[in-house]
Amino acid sequence: MIDPRILRAVVGYGEKADVFEMSMNRAAEKSAPEAKALFWDTMKKMSFTDARKILSGKENEATLYI
């Protein structure tokens, strides 16, 4: 994501950067409850072998977990 401070440095983009940042924050706030439920559901189904693989695997192993 582009840092809003960079957009503010460009003449005329400060307000647009603020509006964009606010919209991203609101979207995150709306999605948090669903993400939390999905996270806990996944954790309940995870085996110790799965958890061990995530902890000892690649840097993005948790992202790759299905």
Protein backbone atom coordinates (compact mmCIF):
# COMPACT_ATOMS: atom_id res chain seq x y z
CA MET A 1 0.00 0.00 0.00
CA ILE A 2 1.22 3.48 -0.75
CA ASP A 3 2.12 5.48 2.33
CA PRO A 4 -0.34 8.42 2.59
CA ARG A 5 2.57 10.67 3.57
CA ILE A 6 4.01 10.18 0.09
CA LEU A 7 0.72 11.21 -1.51
CA ARG A 8 0.54 14.28 0.73
CA ALA A 9 3.90 15.36 -0.63
CA VAL A 10 2.34 15.50 -4.11
CA VAL A 11 0.31 18.70 -4.42
CA GLY A 12 -3.43 18.10 -4.21
CA TYR A 13 -3.42 14.49 -3.03
CA GLY A 14 -3.50 14.98 0.75
CA GLU A 15 -7.30 14.91 1.09
CA LYS A 16 -7.61 11.95 -1.28
CA ALA A 17 -5.00 10.09 0.75
CA ASP A 18 -6.95 10.77 3.95
CA VAL A 19 -10.22 9.55 2.40
CA PHE A 20 -8.51 6.41 1.08
CA GLU A 21 -6.87 5.66 4.44
CA MET A 22 -10.19 6.11 6.23
CA SER A 23 -11.97 3.78 3.79
CA MET A 24 -9.30 1.10 4.29
CA ASN A 25 -9.65 1.41 8.07
CA ARG A 26 -13.45 1.12 7.90
CA ALA A 27 -13.18 -1.96 5.66
CA ALA A 28 -10.81 -3.59 8.14
CA GLU A 29 -13.16 -2.80 11.02
CA LYS A 30 -16.10 -4.36 9.19
CA SER A 31 -14.19 -7.52 8.26
CA ALA A 32 -12.58 -8.12 11.68
CA PRO A 33 -15.46 -10.10 13.26
CA GLU A 34 -15.68 -12.47 10.29
CA ALA A 35 -11.89 -12.86 10.19
CA LYS A 36 -11.85 -13.64 13.90
CA ALA A 37 -14.48 -16.35 13.48
CA LEU A 38 -12.61 -17.86 10.53
CA PHE A 39 -9.32 -17.78 12.44
CA TRP A 40 -10.74 -19.57 15.50
CA ASP A 41 -12.57 -22.15 13.36
CA THR A 42 -9.32 -22.93 11.57
CA MET A 43 -7.39 -23.17 14.85
CA LYS A 44 -9.91 -25.66 16.24
CA LYS A 45 -9.44 -27.91 13.21
CA MET A 46 -5.64 -27.68 13.20
CA SER A 47 -3.61 -30.68 14.33
CA PHE A 48 -0.35 -30.51 16.29
CA THR A 49 1.43 -31.68 13.15
CA ASP A 50 -0.05 -28.75 11.22
CA ALA A 51 1.03 -26.31 13.93
CA ARG A 52 4.55 -27.76 14.03
CA LYS A 53 4.81 -27.46 10.25
CA ILE A 54 3.75 -23.80 10.42
CA LEU A 55 6.27 -23.03 13.17
CA SER A 56 9.19 -24.81 11.50
CA GLY A 57 8.33 -24.16 7.86
CA LYS A 58 8.86 -21.27 5.48
CA GLU A 59 8.38 -17.67 6.58
CA ASN A 60 4.91 -17.63 4.99
CA GLU A 61 3.89 -21.16 6.04
CA ALA A 62 0.84 -19.94 7.97
CA THR A 63 -0.39 -18.16 4.84
CA LEU A 64 0.04 -21.37 2.86
CA TYR A 65 -1.87 -23.47 5.41
CA ILE A 66 -5.14 -24.77 4.03
